[in-house]
C-alpha atoms as a PDB file:
ATOM      1  CA  UNK A   1      91.740  73.541  97.449  1.00  0.00           C
ATOM      2  CA  UNK A   2      94.879  74.078  95.572  1.00  0.00           C
ATOM      3  CA  UNK A   3      96.111  70.563  94.212  1.00  0.00           C
ATOM      4  CA  UNK A   4     100.039  70.141  93.691  1.00  0.00           C
ATOM      5  CA  UNK A   5     101.083  67.459  91.025  1.00  0.00           C
ATOM      6  CA  UNK A   6     104.236  66.256  90.981  1.00  0.00           C
ATOM      7  CA  UNK A   7     105.506  65.242  87.465  1.00  0.00           C
ATOM      8  CA  UNK A   8     108.777  63.628  87.146  1.00  0.00           C
ATOM      9  CA  UNK A   9     109.709  66.024  84.441  1.00  0.00           C
ATOM     10  CA  UNK A  10     109.397  68.707  86.533  1.00  0.00           C
ATOM     11  CA  UNK A  11     110.942  67.054  90.071  1.00  0.00           C
ATOM     12  CA  UNK A  12     113.922  65.835  88.019  1.00  0.00           C
ATOM     13  CA  UNK A  13     114.292  68.914  85.794  1.00  0.00           C
ATOM     14  CA  UNK A  14     118.421  68.786  85.877  1.00  0.00           C
ATOM     15  CA  UNK A  15     118.190  65.084  84.549  1.00  0.00           C
ATOM     16  CA  UNK A  16     115.559  65.437  81.716  1.00  0.00           C
ATOM     17  CA  UNK A  17     117.678  63.821  79.002  1.00  0.00           C
ATOM     18  CA  UNK A  18     118.478  60.880  81.158  1.00  0.00           C
ATOM     19  CA  UNK A  19     114.758  60.558  82.139  1.00  0.00           C
ATOM     20  CA  UNK A  20     114.000  60.759  78.639  1.00  0.00           C
ATOM     21  CA  UNK A  21     116.545  57.782  77.776  1.00  0.00           C
ATOM     22  CA  UNK A  22     115.724  55.623  80.165  1.00  0.00           C
ATOM     23  CA  UNK A  23     112.176  55.903  79.385  1.00  0.00           C
ATOM     24  CA  UNK A  24     113.061  54.782  76.021  1.00  0.00           C
ATOM     25  CA  UNK A  25     115.861  52.224  76.689  1.00  0.00           C
ATOM     26  CA  UNK A  26     115.163  50.507  79.838  1.00  0.00           C
ATOM     27  CA  UNK A  27     111.606  48.555  80.036  1.00  0.00           C
ATOM     28  CA  UNK A  28     111.651  48.357  83.721  1.00  0.00           C
ATOM     29  CA  UNK A  29     112.012  52.298  84.197  1.00  0.00           C
ATOM     30  CA  UNK A  30     109.698  52.934  81.895  1.00  0.00           C
ATOM     31  CA  UNK A  31     107.041  50.918  83.706  1.00  0.00           C
ATOM     32  CA  UNK A  32     107.938  52.520  87.148  1.00  0.00           C
ATOM     33  CA  UNK A  33     107.812  55.930  85.579  1.00  0.00           C
ATOM     34  CA  UNK A  34     104.366  55.136  84.205  1.00  0.00           C
ATOM     35  CA  UNK A  35     103.292  53.641  87.299  1.00  0.00           C
ATOM     36  CA  UNK A  36     104.208  56.938  89.105  1.00  0.00           C
ATOM     37  CA  UNK A  37     102.649  59.134  86.686  1.00  0.00           C
ATOM     38  CA  UNK A  38      99.224  57.211  87.011  1.00  0.00           C
ATOM     39  CA  UNK A  39      99.325  57.126  90.552  1.00  0.00           C
ATOM     40  CA  UNK A  40     100.169  60.869  90.628  1.00  0.00           C
ATOM     41  CA  UNK A  41      97.108  61.530  88.823  1.00  0.00           C
ATOM     42  CA  UNK A  42      95.313  59.435  90.705  1.00  0.00           C
ATOM     43  CA  UNK A  43      96.058  61.409  93.883  1.00  0.00           C
ATOM     44  CA  UNK A  44      95.295  64.454  92.452  1.00  0.00           C
ATOM     45  CA  UNK A  45      91.761  63.163  91.336  1.00  0.00           C
ATOM     46  CA  UNK A  46      91.300  62.342  94.936  1.00  0.00           C
ATOM     47  CA  UNK A  47      92.306  65.559  96.232  1.00  0.00           C
ATOM     48  CA  UNK A  48      90.222  67.582  93.717  1.00  0.00           C
ATOM     49  CA  UNK A  49      87.176  65.352  94.870  1.00  0.00           C
ATOM     50  CA  UNK A  50      86.532  63.599  91.570  1.00  0.00           C
ATOM     51  CA  UNK A  51      87.569  60.380  93.295  1.00  0.00           C
ATOM     52  CA  UNK A  52      87.008  59.388  96.580  1.00  0.00           C
ATOM     53  CA  UNK A  53      89.099  57.598  99.158  1.00  0.00           C
ATOM     54  CA  UNK A  54      89.339  57.579 102.904  1.00  0.00           C
ATOM     55  CA  UNK A  55      92.344  59.551 104.531  1.00  0.00           C
ATOM     56  CA  UNK A  56      94.501  56.635 105.177  1.00  0.00           C
ATOM     57  CA  UNK A  57      94.130  54.735 101.976  1.00  0.00           C
ATOM     58  CA  UNK A  58      94.955  58.146 100.567  1.00  0.00           C
ATOM     59  CA  UNK A  59      98.152  58.440 102.924  1.00  0.00           C
ATOM     60  CA  UNK A  60      99.221  54.828 101.623  1.00  0.00           C
ATOM     61  CA  UNK A  61      99.018  55.920  98.018  1.00  0.00           C
ATOM     62  CA  UNK A  62     101.398  58.918  98.849  1.00  0.00           C
ATOM     63  CA  UNK A  63     103.368  56.952 100.621  1.00  0.00           C
ATOM     64  CA  UNK A  64     103.646  54.544  97.731  1.00  0.00           C
ATOM     65  CA  UNK A  65     104.185  57.584  95.370  1.00  0.00           C
ATOM     66  CA  UNK A  66     107.273  58.667  97.603  1.00  0.00           C
ATOM     67  CA  UNK A  67     108.609  55.274  97.245  1.00  0.00           C
ATOM     68  CA  UNK A  68     108.203  54.903  93.449  1.00  0.00           C
ATOM     69  CA  UNK A  69     109.945  58.373  93.287  1.00  0.00           C
ATOM     70  CA  UNK A  70     112.730  57.123  95.620  1.00  0.00           C
ATOM     71  CA  UNK A  71     113.356  53.801  93.212  1.00  0.00           C
ATOM     72  CA  UNK A  72     113.188  56.316  90.281  1.00  0.00           C
ATOM     73  CA  UNK A  73     115.902  58.681  91.409  1.00  0.00           C
ATOM     74  CA  UNK A  74     117.911  55.795  92.530  1.00  0.00           C
ATOM     75  CA  UNK A  75     117.936  54.712  89.109  1.00  0.00           C
ATOM     76  CA  UNK A  76     118.493  58.050  87.750  1.00  0.00           C
ATOM     77  CA  UNK A  77     121.719  58.507  90.004  1.00  0.00           C
ATOM     78  CA  UNK A  78     123.055  55.285  88.776  1.00  0.00           C
ATOM     79  CA  UNK A  79     122.190  55.565  85.080  1.00  0.00           C
ATOM     80  CA  UNK A  80     124.454  59.023  85.133  1.00  0.00           C
ATOM     81  CA  UNK A  81     127.380  56.836  86.864  1.00  0.00           C
ATOM     82  CA  UNK A  82     126.276  57.981  90.724  1.00  0.00           C
ATOM     83  CA  UNK A  83     125.981  55.930  93.836  1.00  0.00           C
ATOM     84  CA  UNK A  84     122.235  54.795  93.937  1.00  0.00           C
ATOM     85  CA  UNK A  85     122.565  55.312  97.797  1.00  0.00           C
ATOM     86  CA  UNK A  86     121.563  52.007  99.085  1.00  0.00           C
ATOM     87  CA  UNK A  87     125.418  51.425 100.131  1.00  0.00           C
ATOM     88  CA  UNK A  88     125.312  54.065 102.369  1.00  0.00           C
ATOM     89  CA  UNK A  89     128.442  55.256 100.642  1.00  0.00           C
END
């Protein structure tokens, strides 16, 4: 079974510099990025069969990963001078 990793550096390749800068200068962002990466690695271990977890719990972890990535994307947009997307504007 092919397992696809979702590293931030690949998913936000066009914002590589901003991603790096925020990781260095914003402790909250750095924690979110680290939490995302740990969660992504855990999901991959489960999908590879290295770690076991029931399907409902795996789905919940994937939802958590999506929520973290959405939060990271909002912060990257905001740091780049764009709208975070929460206001709908």
